[in-house]
């Protein structure tokens, strides 16, 4: 069974490109176009093995989503990788395991996921 990744990205073109890449890499991918949609998805099983999270989104930002995730005991240990063009001007949300800057280097993304996802 392949690992499940929740991809949270508001830009449709970027979301589709990353989804296609991850699928070709053997991941099962679910997508959300904003933090609120992602939060609703995370509240029902099965939990993803990792979350790829943009920070700058409408409706609910990645920062807001991370506050919700870290307050939920069931989600607190969920591996989260920030994929964002936000730069280093702001501190990352608590609980983020790694970052991949935009524009995304697909090899770096693959290597980062391999490093942060649980084995199994």
PDB file of N, CA and C in Angstrom:
ATOM      1  N   UNK A   1       0.834  -1.170   0.000  1.00  0.00           N
ATOM      2  CA  UNK A   1       0.000   0.000   0.000  1.00  0.00           C
ATOM      3  C   UNK A   1       0.887   1.245   0.000  1.00  0.00           C
ATOM      4  N   UNK A   2       0.563   2.215  -0.841  1.00  0.00           N
ATOM      5  CA  UNK A   2       1.402   3.400  -0.940  1.00  0.00           C
ATOM      6  C   UNK A   2       1.082   4.389   0.175  1.00  0.00           C
ATOM      7  N   UNK A   3       2.044   5.246   0.449  1.00  0.00           N
ATOM      8  CA  UNK A   3       1.873   6.264   1.475  1.00  0.00           C
ATOM      9  C   UNK A   3       0.918   7.342   0.990  1.00  0.00           C
ATOM     10  N   UNK A   4       0.099   7.841   1.901  1.00  0.00           N
ATOM     11  CA  UNK A   4      -0.886   8.875   1.590  1.00  0.00           C
ATOM     12  C   UNK A   4      -0.334  10.244   1.974  1.00  0.00           C
ATOM     13  N   UNK A   5      -0.327  11.160   0.991  1.00  0.00           N
ATOM     14  CA  UNK A   5       0.130  12.525   1.205  1.00  0.00           C
ATOM     15  C   UNK A   5      -1.047  13.456   0.974  1.00  0.00           C
ATOM     16  N   UNK A   6      -1.263  14.384   1.912  1.00  0.00           N
ATOM     17  CA  UNK A   6      -2.241  15.443   1.730  1.00  0.00           C
ATOM     18  C   UNK A   6      -1.489  16.677   1.255  1.00  0.00           C
ATOM     19  N   UNK A   7      -1.790  17.119   0.045  1.00  0.00           N
ATOM     20  CA  UNK A   7      -1.156  18.275  -0.582  1.00  0.00           C
ATOM     21  C   UNK A   7      -2.089  19.472  -0.440  1.00  0.00           C
ATOM     22  N   UNK A   8      -1.642  20.501   0.279  1.00  0.00           N
ATOM     23  CA  UNK A   8      -2.467  21.680   0.551  1.00  0.00           C
ATOM     24  C   UNK A   8      -1.829  22.870  -0.167  1.00  0.00           C
ATOM     25  N   UNK A   9      -2.437  23.257  -1.278  1.00  0.00           N
ATOM     26  CA  UNK A   9      -1.887  24.298  -2.158  1.00  0.00           C
ATOM     27  C   UNK A   9      -3.036  25.009  -2.841  1.00  0.00           C
ATOM     28  N   UNK A  10      -3.041  26.350  -2.782  1.00  0.00           N
ATOM     29  CA  UNK A  10      -4.165  27.093  -3.361  1.00  0.00           C
ATOM     30  C   UNK A  10      -4.035  27.336  -4.863  1.00  0.00           C
ATOM     31  N   UNK A  11      -2.833  27.312  -5.419  1.00  0.00           N
ATOM     32  CA  UNK A  11      -2.668  27.545  -6.854  1.00  0.00           C
ATOM     33  C   UNK A  11      -2.874  26.243  -7.619  1.00  0.00           C
ATOM     34  N   UNK A  12      -3.914  26.223  -8.448  1.00  0.00           N
ATOM     35  CA  UNK A  12      -4.320  24.992  -9.143  1.00  0.00           C
ATOM     36  C   UNK A  12      -3.193  24.395  -9.984  1.00  0.00           C
ATOM     37  N   UNK A  13      -2.453  25.210 -10.724  1.00  0.00           N
ATOM     38  CA  UNK A  13      -1.382  24.676 -11.576  1.00  0.00           C
ATOM     39  C   UNK A  13      -0.301  24.000 -10.748  1.00  0.00           C
ATOM     40  N   UNK A  14       0.104  24.644  -9.665  1.00  0.00           N
ATOM     41  CA  UNK A  14       1.119  24.047  -8.783  1.00  0.00           C
ATOM     42  C   UNK A  14       0.602  22.770  -8.144  1.00  0.00           C
ATOM     43  N   UNK A  15      -0.644  22.804  -7.706  1.00  0.00           N
ATOM     44  CA  UNK A  15      -1.254  21.628  -7.074  1.00  0.00           C
ATOM     45  C   UNK A  15      -1.276  20.456  -8.051  1.00  0.00           C
ATOM     46  N   UNK A  16      -1.686  20.706  -9.286  1.00  0.00           N
ATOM     47  CA  UNK A  16      -1.759  19.626 -10.282  1.00  0.00           C
ATOM     48  C   UNK A  16      -0.379  19.081 -10.619  1.00  0.00           C
ATOM     49  N   UNK A  17       0.605  19.957 -10.772  1.00  0.00           N
ATOM     50  CA  UNK A  17       1.968  19.514 -11.070  1.00  0.00           C
ATOM     51  C   UNK A  17       2.516  18.647  -9.947  1.00  0.00           C
ATOM     52  N   UNK A  18       2.374  19.114  -8.706  1.00  0.00           N
ATOM     53  CA  UNK A  18       2.883  18.350  -7.563  1.00  0.00           C
ATOM     54  C   UNK A  18       2.123  17.041  -7.388  1.00  0.00           C
ATOM     55  N   UNK A  19       0.816  17.072  -7.596  1.00  0.00           N
ATOM     56  CA  UNK A  19       0.034  15.842  -7.489  1.00  0.00           C
ATOM     57  C   UNK A  19       0.497  14.814  -8.521  1.00  0.00           C
ATOM     58  N   UNK A  20       0.710  15.256  -9.747  1.00  0.00           N
ATOM     59  CA  UNK A  20       1.170  14.334 -10.797  1.00  0.00           C
ATOM     60  C   UNK A  20       2.540  13.761 -10.453  1.00  0.00           C
ATOM     61  N   UNK A  21       3.464  14.614 -10.004  1.00  0.00           N
ATOM     62  CA  UNK A  21       4.797  14.156  -9.634  1.00  0.00           C
ATOM     63  C   UNK A  21       4.731  13.124  -8.507  1.00  0.00           C
ATOM     64  N   UNK A  22       3.991  13.448  -7.461  1.00  0.00           N
ATOM     65  CA  UNK A  22       3.903  12.540  -6.316  1.00  0.00           C
ATOM     66  C   UNK A  22       3.262  11.211  -6.690  1.00  0.00           C
ATOM     67  N   UNK A  23       2.254  11.258  -7.545  1.00  0.00           N
ATOM     68  CA  UNK A  23       1.609  10.035  -8.007  1.00  0.00           C
ATOM     69  C   UNK A  23       2.602   9.175  -8.785  1.00  0.00           C
ATOM     70  N   UNK A  24       3.382   9.808  -9.659  1.00  0.00           N
ATOM     71  CA  UNK A  24       4.403   9.070 -10.414  1.00  0.00           C
ATOM     72  C   UNK A  24       5.475   8.485  -9.498  1.00  0.00           C
ATOM     73  N   UNK A  25       5.703   9.123  -8.367  1.00  0.00           N
ATOM     74  CA  UNK A  25       6.671   8.632  -7.377  1.00  0.00           C
ATOM     75  C   UNK A  25       6.093   7.505  -6.520  1.00  0.00           C
ATOM     76  N   UNK A  26       4.816   7.193  -6.715  1.00  0.00           N
ATOM     77  CA  UNK A  26       4.216   6.070  -6.002  1.00  0.00           C
ATOM     78  C   UNK A  26       3.367   6.427  -4.799  1.00  0.00           C
ATOM     79  N   UNK A  27       3.158   7.714  -4.559  1.00  0.00           N
ATOM     80  CA  UNK A  27       2.328   8.135  -3.440  1.00  0.00           C
ATOM     81  C   UNK A  27       0.855   8.163  -3.844  1.00  0.00           C
ATOM     82  N   UNK A  28      -0.014   7.943  -2.880  1.00  0.00           N
ATOM     83  CA  UNK A  28      -1.428   8.246  -3.034  1.00  0.00           C
ATOM     84  C   UNK A  28      -1.583   9.687  -2.576  1.00  0.00           C
ATOM     85  N   UNK A  29      -2.241  10.519  -3.392  1.00  0.00           N
ATOM     86  CA  UNK A  29      -2.300  11.949  -3.099  1.00  0.00           C
ATOM     87  C   UNK A  29      -3.751  12.400  -2.990  1.00  0.00           C
ATOM     88  N   UNK A  30      -4.020  13.138  -1.934  1.00  0.00           N
ATOM     89  CA  UNK A  30      -5.276  13.866  -1.801  1.00  0.00           C
ATOM     90  C   UNK A  30      -4.906  15.334  -1.765  1.00  0.00           C
ATOM     91  N   UNK A  31      -5.785  16.188  -2.293  1.00  0.00           N
ATOM     92  CA  UNK A  31      -5.459  17.604  -2.366  1.00  0.00           C
ATOM     93  C   UNK A  31      -6.506  18.450  -1.651  1.00  0.00           C
ATOM     94  N   UNK A  32      -6.056  19.637  -1.250  1.00  0.00           N
ATOM     95  CA  UNK A  32      -6.937  20.645  -0.680  1.00  0.00           C
ATOM     96  C   UNK A  32      -6.460  21.994  -1.190  1.00  0.00           C
ATOM     97  N   UNK A  33      -7.403  22.861  -1.538  1.00  0.00           N
ATOM     98  CA  UNK A  33      -7.066  24.161  -2.091  1.00  0.00           C
ATOM     99  C   UNK A  33      -6.896  25.258  -1.059  1.00  0.00           C
ATOM    100  N   UNK A  34      -7.151  24.933   0.206  1.00  0.00           N
ATOM    101  CA  UNK A  34      -6.944  25.914   1.280  1.00  0.00           C
ATOM    102  C   UNK A  34      -6.883  25.168   2.612  1.00  0.00           C
ATOM    103  N   UNK A  35      -6.528  25.902   3.655  1.00  0.00           N
ATOM    104  CA  UNK A  35      -6.374  25.284   4.972  1.00  0.00           C
ATOM    105  C   UNK A  35      -7.664  24.748   5.556  1.00  0.00           C
ATOM    106  N   UNK A  36      -8.780  25.415   5.280  1.00  0.00           N
ATOM    107  CA  UNK A  36     -10.055  24.952   5.826  1.00  0.00           C
ATOM    108  C   UNK A  36     -10.444  23.599   5.236  1.00  0.00           C
ATOM    109  N   UNK A  37     -10.295  23.449   3.928  1.00  0.00           N
ATOM    110  CA  UNK A  37     -10.585  22.162   3.289  1.00  0.00           C
ATOM    111  C   UNK A  37      -9.658  21.078   3.838  1.00  0.00           C
ATOM    112  N   UNK A  38      -8.393  21.420   4.039  1.00  0.00           N
ATOM    113  CA  UNK A  38      -7.435  20.465   4.612  1.00  0.00           C
ATOM    114  C   UNK A  38      -7.833  20.084   6.032  1.00  0.00           C
ATOM    115  N   UNK A  39      -8.240  21.064   6.839  1.00  0.00           N
ATOM    116  CA  UNK A  39      -8.651  20.793   8.216  1.00  0.00           C
ATOM    117  C   UNK A  39      -9.844  19.846   8.236  1.00  0.00           C
ATOM    118  N   UNK A  40     -10.812  20.086   7.365  1.00  0.00           N
ATOM    119  CA  UNK A  40     -11.977  19.198   7.289  1.00  0.00           C
ATOM    120  C   UNK A  40     -11.548  17.785   6.908  1.00  0.00           C
ATOM    121  N   UNK A  41     -10.586  17.653   5.987  1.00  0.00           N
ATOM    122  CA  UNK A  41     -10.100  16.334   5.580  1.00  0.00           C
ATOM    123  C   UNK A  41      -9.352  15.648   6.726  1.00  0.00           C
ATOM    124  N   UNK A  42      -8.558  16.387   7.469  1.00  0.00           N
ATOM    125  CA  UNK A  42      -7.770  15.799   8.551  1.00  0.00           C
ATOM    126  C   UNK A  42      -8.627  15.320   9.719  1.00  0.00           C
ATOM    127  N   UNK A  43      -9.830  15.773   9.789  1.00  0.00           N
ATOM    128  CA  UNK A  43     -10.715  15.393  10.892  1.00  0.00           C
ATOM    129  C   UNK A  43     -11.397  14.046  10.666  1.00  0.00           C
ATOM    130  N   UNK A  44     -11.147  13.412   9.504  1.00  0.00           N
ATOM    131  CA  UNK A  44     -11.725  12.095   9.259  1.00  0.00           C
ATOM    132  C   UNK A  44     -10.628  11.123   8.810  1.00  0.00           C
ATOM    133  N   UNK A  45     -10.796   9.848   9.148  1.00  0.00           N
ATOM    134  CA  UNK A  45      -9.795   8.851   8.756  1.00  0.00           C
ATOM    135  C   UNK A  45      -9.909   8.523   7.271  1.00  0.00           C
ATOM    136  N   UNK A  46      -8.849   7.967   6.729  1.00  0.00           N
ATOM    137  CA  UNK A  46      -7.558   7.703   7.366  1.00  0.00           C
ATOM    138  C   UNK A  46      -6.695   8.959   7.375  1.00  0.00           C
ATOM    139  N   UNK A  47      -5.822   9.028   8.358  1.00  0.00           N
ATOM    140  CA  UNK A  47      -4.883  10.137   8.404  1.00  0.00           C
ATOM    141  C   UNK A  47      -3.834   9.963   7.318  1.00  0.00           C
ATOM    142  N   UNK A  48      -3.395  11.055   6.722  1.00  0.00           N
ATOM    143  CA  UNK A  48      -2.295  10.928   5.756  1.00  0.00           C
ATOM    144  C   UNK A  48      -0.996  10.591   6.491  1.00  0.00           C
ATOM    145  N   UNK A  49      -0.046  10.092   5.733  1.00  0.00           N
ATOM    146  CA  UNK A  49       1.277   9.808   6.296  1.00  0.00           C
ATOM    147  C   UNK A  49       2.118  11.075   6.406  1.00  0.00           C
ATOM    148  N   UNK A  50       1.759  12.085   5.599  1.00  0.00           N
ATOM    149  CA  UNK A  50       2.445  13.381   5.644  1.00  0.00           C
ATOM    150  C   UNK A  50       1.552  14.434   5.000  1.00  0.00           C
ATOM    151  N   UNK A  51       1.829  15.686   5.340  1.00  0.00           N
ATOM    152  CA  UNK A  51       1.130  16.823   4.760  1.00  0.00           C
ATOM    153  C   UNK A  51       2.165  17.731   4.103  1.00  0.00           C
ATOM    154  N   UNK A  52       1.909  18.110   2.857  1.00  0.00           N
ATOM    155  CA  UNK A  52       2.692  19.146   2.186  1.00  0.00           C
ATOM    156  C   UNK A  52       1.852  20.405   2.248  1.00  0.00           C
ATOM    157  N   UNK A  53       2.375  21.456   2.843  1.00  0.00           N
ATOM    158  CA  UNK A  53       1.563  22.610   3.204  1.00  0.00           C
ATOM    159  C   UNK A  53       2.131  23.916   2.685  1.00  0.00           C
ATOM    160  N   UNK A  54       1.328  24.611   1.885  1.00  0.00           N
ATOM    161  CA  UNK A  54       1.628  25.992   1.526  1.00  0.00           C
ATOM    162  C   UNK A  54       1.208  26.858   2.714  1.00  0.00           C
ATOM    163  N   UNK A  55       1.884  27.963   2.926  1.00  0.00           N
ATOM    164  CA  UNK A  55       1.540  28.830   4.054  1.00  0.00           C
ATOM    165  C   UNK A  55       0.597  29.959   3.659  1.00  0.00           C
ATOM    166  N   UNK A  56       0.786  30.504   2.473  1.00  0.00           N
ATOM    167  CA  UNK A  56       0.031  31.669   2.033  1.00  0.00           C
ATOM    168  C   UNK A  56      -1.170  31.207   1.207  1.00  0.00           C
ATOM    169  N   UNK A  57      -2.346  31.109   1.858  1.00  0.00           N
ATOM    170  CA  UNK A  57      -3.558  30.646   1.187  1.00  0.00           C
ATOM    171  C   UNK A  57      -4.755  31.449   1.670  1.00  0.00           C
ATOM    172  N   UNK A  58      -5.778  31.526   0.824  1.00  0.00           N
ATOM    173  CA  UNK A  58      -7.019  32.176   1.252  1.00  0.00           C
ATOM    174  C   UNK A  58      -7.826  31.254   2.169  1.00  0.00           C
ATOM    175  N   UNK A  59      -8.851  31.772   2.749  1.00  0.00           N
ATOM    176  CA  UNK A  59      -9.818  31.076   3.605  1.00  0.00           C
ATOM    177  C   UNK A  59      -9.193  30.707   4.948  1.00  0.00           C
ATOM    178  N   UNK A  60      -8.167  29.850   4.946  1.00  0.00           N
ATOM    179  CA  UNK A  60      -7.397  29.532   6.160  1.00  0.00           C
ATOM    180  C   UNK A  60      -5.955  29.317   5.730  1.00  0.00           C
ATOM    181  N   UNK A  61      -5.052  30.098   6.298  1.00  0.00           N
ATOM    182  CA  UNK A  61      -3.635  29.990   5.931  1.00  0.00           C
ATOM    183  C   UNK A  61      -3.014  28.717   6.506  1.00  0.00           C
ATOM    184  N   UNK A  62      -1.817  28.419   6.033  1.00  0.00           N
ATOM    185  CA  UNK A  62      -1.070  27.299   6.586  1.00  0.00           C
ATOM    186  C   UNK A  62      -0.736  27.497   8.044  1.00  0.00           C
ATOM    187  N   UNK A  63      -0.488  28.749   8.451  1.00  0.00           N
ATOM    188  CA  UNK A  63      -0.214  29.020   9.870  1.00  0.00           C
ATOM    189  C   UNK A  63      -1.436  28.678  10.716  1.00  0.00           C
ATOM    190  N   UNK A  64      -2.607  29.104  10.262  1.00  0.00           N
ATOM    191  CA  UNK A  64      -3.839  28.798  11.004  1.00  0.00           C
ATOM    192  C   UNK A  64      -4.090  27.298  11.062  1.00  0.00           C
ATOM    193  N   UNK A  65      -3.893  26.616   9.952  1.00  0.00           N
ATOM    194  CA  UNK A  65      -4.090  25.165   9.925  1.00  0.00           C
ATOM    195  C   UNK A  65      -3.161  24.487  10.922  1.00  0.00           C
ATOM    196  N   UNK A  66      -1.900  24.906  10.970  1.00  0.00           N
ATOM    197  CA  UNK A  66      -0.950  24.287  11.899  1.00  0.00           C
ATOM    198  C   UNK A  66      -1.353  24.513  13.355  1.00  0.00           C
ATOM    199  N   UNK A  67      -1.930  25.658  13.677  1.00  0.00           N
ATOM    200  CA  UNK A  67      -2.408  25.877  15.049  1.00  0.00           C
ATOM    201  C   UNK A  67      -3.481  24.847  15.408  1.00  0.00           C
ATOM    202  N   UNK A  68      -4.391  24.599  14.490  1.00  0.00           N
ATOM    203  CA  UNK A  68      -5.438  23.595  14.723  1.00  0.00           C
ATOM    204  C   UNK A  68      -4.830  22.197  14.870  1.00  0.00           C
ATOM    205  N   UNK A  69      -3.915  21.866  13.970  1.00  0.00           N
ATOM    206  CA  UNK A  69      -3.302  20.528  13.972  1.00  0.00           C
ATOM    207  C   UNK A  69      -2.575  20.283  15.292  1.00  0.00           C
ATOM    208  N   UNK A  70      -1.802  21.235  15.765  1.00  0.00           N
ATOM    209  CA  UNK A  70      -0.998  21.036  16.971  1.00  0.00           C
ATOM    210  C   UNK A  70      -1.835  21.039  18.241  1.00  0.00           C
ATOM    211  N   UNK A  71      -3.070  21.529  18.165  1.00  0.00           N
ATOM    212  CA  UNK A  71      -3.965  21.486  19.323  1.00  0.00           C
ATOM    213  C   UNK A  71      -4.769  20.196  19.383  1.00  0.00           C
ATOM    214  N   UNK A  72      -4.689  19.378  18.351  1.00  0.00           N
ATOM    215  CA  UNK A  72      -5.446  18.134  18.268  1.00  0.00           C
ATOM    216  C   UNK A  72      -4.501  16.967  18.576  1.00  0.00           C
ATOM    217  N   UNK A  73      -4.721  16.284  19.675  1.00  0.00           N
ATOM    218  CA  UNK A  73      -3.819  15.207  20.101  1.00  0.00           C
ATOM    219  C   UNK A  73      -3.658  14.128  19.035  1.00  0.00           C
ATOM    220  N   UNK A  74      -4.700  13.872  18.261  1.00  0.00           N
ATOM    221  CA  UNK A  74      -4.649  12.838  17.229  1.00  0.00           C
ATOM    222  C   UNK A  74      -3.742  13.242  16.064  1.00  0.00           C
ATOM    223  N   UNK A  75      -3.569  14.538  15.857  1.00  0.00           N
ATOM    224  CA  UNK A  75      -2.808  15.034  14.699  1.00  0.00           C
ATOM    225  C   UNK A  75      -1.437  15.594  15.058  1.00  0.00           C
ATOM    226  N   UNK A  76      -1.175  15.759  16.318  1.00  0.00           N
ATOM    227  CA  UNK A  76       0.017  16.474  16.766  1.00  0.00           C
ATOM    228  C   UNK A  76       1.319  15.928  16.181  1.00  0.00           C
ATOM    229  N   UNK A  77       1.408  14.621  15.980  1.00  0.00           N
ATOM    230  CA  UNK A  77       2.658  14.017  15.493  1.00  0.00           C
ATOM    231  C   UNK A  77       2.701  13.857  13.968  1.00  0.00           C
ATOM    232  N   UNK A  78       1.700  14.375  13.283  1.00  0.00           N
ATOM    233  CA  UNK A  78       1.623  14.260  11.830  1.00  0.00           C
ATOM    234  C   UNK A  78       2.807  14.972  11.175  1.00  0.00           C
ATOM    235  N   UNK A  79       3.575  14.286  10.310  1.00  0.00           N
ATOM    236  CA  UNK A  79       4.693  14.944   9.626  1.00  0.00           C
ATOM    237  C   UNK A  79       4.181  16.017   8.656  1.00  0.00           C
ATOM    238  N   UNK A  80       4.669  17.247   8.837  1.00  0.00           N
ATOM    239  CA  UNK A  80       4.270  18.362   7.979  1.00  0.00           C
ATOM    240  C   UNK A  80       5.523  18.960   7.341  1.00  0.00           C
ATOM    241  N   UNK A  81       5.468  19.114   6.024  1.00  0.00           N
ATOM    242  CA  UNK A  81       6.533  19.761   5.259  1.00  0.00           C
ATOM    243  C   UNK A  81       5.932  21.010   4.628  1.00  0.00           C
ATOM    244  N   UNK A  82       6.522  22.150   4.908  1.00  0.00           N
ATOM    245  CA  UNK A  82       6.068  23.399   4.302  1.00  0.00           C
ATOM    246  C   UNK A  82       6.696  23.524   2.919  1.00  0.00           C
ATOM    247  N   UNK A  83       5.833  23.760   1.938  1.00  0.00           N
ATOM    248  CA  UNK A  83       6.262  24.037   0.567  1.00  0.00           C
ATOM    249  C   UNK A  83       5.746  25.437   0.272  1.00  0.00           C
ATOM    250  N   UNK A  84       6.643  26.425   0.322  1.00  0.00           N
ATOM    251  CA  UNK A  84       6.162  27.799   0.254  1.00  0.00           C
ATOM    252  C   UNK A  84       7.194  28.740  -0.323  1.00  0.00           C
ATOM    253  N   UNK A  85       6.705  29.772  -0.937  1.00  0.00           N
ATOM    254  CA  UNK A  85       7.556  30.848  -1.418  1.00  0.00           C
ATOM    255  C   UNK A  85       7.612  31.980  -0.422  1.00  0.00           C
ATOM    256  N   UNK A  86       7.118  31.765   0.786  1.00  0.00           N
ATOM    257  CA  UNK A  86       7.045  32.816   1.802  1.00  0.00           C
ATOM    258  C   UNK A  86       8.426  33.296   2.240  1.00  0.00           C
ATOM    259  N   UNK A  87       9.443  32.511   1.972  1.00  0.00           N
ATOM    260  CA  UNK A  87      10.792  32.913   2.352  1.00  0.00           C
ATOM    261  C   UNK A  87      11.059  32.717   3.830  1.00  0.00           C
ATOM    262  N   UNK A  88      12.186  33.208   4.259  1.00  0.00           N
ATOM    263  CA  UNK A  88      12.606  33.014   5.649  1.00  0.00           C
ATOM    264  C   UNK A  88      12.325  34.220   6.525  1.00  0.00           C
ATOM    265  N   UNK A  89      11.481  35.144   6.050  1.00  0.00           N
ATOM    266  CA  UNK A  89      11.232  36.367   6.813  1.00  0.00           C
ATOM    267  C   UNK A  89      10.368  36.124   8.046  1.00  0.00           C
ATOM    268  N   UNK A  90       9.607  35.042   8.040  1.00  0.00           N
ATOM    269  CA  UNK A  90       8.753  34.740   9.186  1.00  0.00           C
ATOM    270  C   UNK A  90       9.120  33.373   9.733  1.00  0.00           C
ATOM    271  N   UNK A  91       8.990  33.201  11.057  1.00  0.00           N
ATOM    272  CA  UNK A  91       9.276  31.881  11.622  1.00  0.00           C
ATOM    273  C   UNK A  91       8.249  30.857  11.143  1.00  0.00           C
ATOM    274  N   UNK A  92       8.689  29.623  11.057  1.00  0.00           N
ATOM    275  CA  UNK A  92       7.789  28.547  10.636  1.00  0.00           C
ATOM    276  C   UNK A  92       6.829  28.188  11.749  1.00  0.00           C
ATOM    277  N   UNK A  93       5.651  27.678  11.385  1.00  0.00           N
ATOM    278  CA  UNK A  93       4.722  27.220  12.416  1.00  0.00           C
ATOM    279  C   UNK A  93       5.333  26.089  13.238  1.00  0.00           C
ATOM    280  N   UNK A  94       4.944  26.016  14.502  1.00  0.00           N
ATOM    281  CA  UNK A  94       5.399  24.943  15.384  1.00  0.00           C
ATOM    282  C   UNK A  94       5.029  23.589  14.790  1.00  0.00           C
ATOM    283  N   UNK A  95       5.964  22.651  14.834  1.00  0.00           N
ATOM    284  CA  UNK A  95       5.690  21.300  14.399  1.00  0.00           C
ATOM    285  C   UNK A  95       6.069  20.989  12.965  1.00  0.00           C
ATOM    286  N   UNK A  96       6.520  21.969  12.213  1.00  0.00           N
ATOM    287  CA  UNK A  96       6.943  21.719  10.835  1.00  0.00           C
ATOM    288  C   UNK A  96       8.278  20.988  10.868  1.00  0.00           C
ATOM    289  N   UNK A  97       8.373  19.873  10.147  1.00  0.00           N
ATOM    290  CA  UNK A  97       9.590  19.066  10.173  1.00  0.00           C
ATOM    291  C   UNK A  97      10.629  19.506   9.152  1.00  0.00           C
ATOM    292  N   UNK A  98      10.166  20.104   8.042  1.00  0.00           N
ATOM    293  CA  UNK A  98      11.093  20.477   6.974  1.00  0.00           C
ATOM    294  C   UNK A  98      10.418  21.507   6.077  1.00  0.00           C
ATOM    295  N   UNK A  99      11.237  22.161   5.275  1.00  0.00           N
ATOM    296  CA  UNK A  99      10.709  23.102   4.288  1.00  0.00           C
ATOM    297  C   UNK A  99      11.309  22.806   2.926  1.00  0.00           C
ATOM    298  N   UNK A 100      10.514  23.067   1.897  1.00  0.00           N
ATOM    299  CA  UNK A 100      10.976  22.998   0.519  1.00  0.00           C
ATOM    300  C   UNK A 100      10.540  24.318  -0.120  1.00  0.00           C
ATOM    301  N   UNK A 101      11.505  25.138  -0.568  1.00  0.00           N
ATOM    302  CA  UNK A 101      11.135  26.434  -1.125  1.00  0.00           C
ATOM    303  C   UNK A 101      10.514  26.308  -2.517  1.00  0.00           C
ATOM    304  N   UNK A 102       9.701  27.316  -2.848  1.00  0.00           N
ATOM    305  CA  UNK A 102       9.190  27.443  -4.205  1.00  0.00           C
ATOM    306  C   UNK A 102      10.120  28.388  -4.951  1.00  0.00           C
ATOM    307  N   UNK A 103      10.361  28.166  -6.233  1.00  0.00           N
ATOM    308  CA  UNK A 103       9.853  27.051  -7.024  1.00  0.00           C
ATOM    309  C   UNK A 103      10.450  25.725  -6.545  1.00  0.00           C
ATOM    310  N   UNK A 104       9.610  24.708  -6.578  1.00  0.00           N
ATOM    311  CA  UNK A 104       9.948  23.417  -5.989  1.00  0.00           C
ATOM    312  C   UNK A 104      10.934  22.650  -6.858  1.00  0.00           C
ATOM    313  N   UNK A 105      12.017  22.192  -6.229  1.00  0.00           N
ATOM    314  CA  UNK A 105      12.936  21.243  -6.846  1.00  0.00           C
ATOM    315  C   UNK A 105      12.351  19.865  -6.529  1.00  0.00           C
ATOM    316  N   UNK A 106      11.877  19.162  -7.563  1.00  0.00           N
ATOM    317  CA  UNK A 106      11.152  17.903  -7.338  1.00  0.00           C
ATOM    318  C   UNK A 106      12.020  16.842  -6.676  1.00  0.00           C
ATOM    319  N   UNK A 107      13.292  16.801  -6.992  1.00  0.00           N
ATOM    320  CA  UNK A 107      14.195  15.856  -6.339  1.00  0.00           C
ATOM    321  C   UNK A 107      14.333  16.156  -4.859  1.00  0.00           C
ATOM    322  N   UNK A 108      14.440  17.431  -4.523  1.00  0.00           N
ATOM    323  CA  UNK A 108      14.512  17.832  -3.114  1.00  0.00           C
ATOM    324  C   UNK A 108      13.226  17.466  -2.382  1.00  0.00           C
ATOM    325  N   UNK A 109      12.087  17.665  -3.038  1.00  0.00           N
ATOM    326  CA  UNK A 109      10.805  17.305  -2.433  1.00  0.00           C
ATOM    327  C   UNK A 109      10.745  15.802  -2.154  1.00  0.00           C
ATOM    328  N   UNK A 110      11.124  14.994  -3.123  1.00  0.00           N
ATOM    329  CA  UNK A 110      11.124  13.536  -2.954  1.00  0.00           C
ATOM    330  C   UNK A 110      12.032  13.131  -1.794  1.00  0.00           C
ATOM    331  N   UNK A 111      13.243  13.692  -1.757  1.00  0.00           N
ATOM    332  CA  UNK A 111      14.201  13.355  -0.693  1.00  0.00           C
ATOM    333  C   UNK A 111      13.693  13.794   0.676  1.00  0.00           C
ATOM    334  N   UNK A 112      13.054  14.953   0.733  1.00  0.00           N
ATOM    335  CA  UNK A 112      12.526  15.460   2.000  1.00  0.00           C
ATOM    336  C   UNK A 112      11.415  14.553   2.510  1.00  0.00           C
ATOM    337  N   UNK A 113      10.503  14.153   1.628  1.00  0.00           N
ATOM    338  CA  UNK A 113       9.436  13.241   2.049  1.00  0.00           C
ATOM    339  C   UNK A 113      10.003  11.923   2.541  1.00  0.00           C
ATOM    340  N   UNK A 114      10.984  11.395   1.864  1.00  0.00           N
ATOM    341  CA  UNK A 114      11.595  10.127   2.274  1.00  0.00           C
ATOM    342  C   UNK A 114      12.206  10.260   3.671  1.00  0.00           C
ATOM    343  N   UNK A 115      12.726  11.445   3.977  1.00  0.00           N
ATOM    344  CA  UNK A 115      13.383  11.663   5.269  1.00  0.00           C
ATOM    345  C   UNK A 115      12.388  11.827   6.407  1.00  0.00           C
ATOM    346  N   UNK A 116      11.231  12.458   6.160  1.00  0.00           N
ATOM    347  CA  UNK A 116      10.320  12.784   7.263  1.00  0.00           C
ATOM    348  C   UNK A 116       9.181  11.796   7.460  1.00  0.00           C
ATOM    349  N   UNK A 117       8.890  10.983   6.444  1.00  0.00           N
ATOM    350  CA  UNK A 117       7.745  10.079   6.571  1.00  0.00           C
ATOM    351  C   UNK A 117       8.113   8.842   7.370  1.00  0.00           C
ATOM    352  N   UNK A 118       7.158   8.357   8.133  1.00  0.00           N
ATOM    353  CA  UNK A 118       7.425   7.126   8.898  1.00  0.00           C
ATOM    354  C   UNK A 118       7.658   5.949   7.963  1.00  0.00           C
ATOM    355  N   UNK A 119       8.536   5.073   8.376  1.00  0.00           N
ATOM    356  CA  UNK A 119       8.797   3.870   7.584  1.00  0.00           C
ATOM    357  C   UNK A 119       7.642   2.899   7.747  1.00  0.00           C
ATOM    358  N   UNK A 120       7.389   2.151   6.688  1.00  0.00           N
ATOM    359  CA  UNK A 120       6.343   1.158   6.847  1.00  0.00           C
ATOM    360  C   UNK A 120       5.488   1.118   5.680  1.00  0.00           C
TER     361      UNK A 120
END
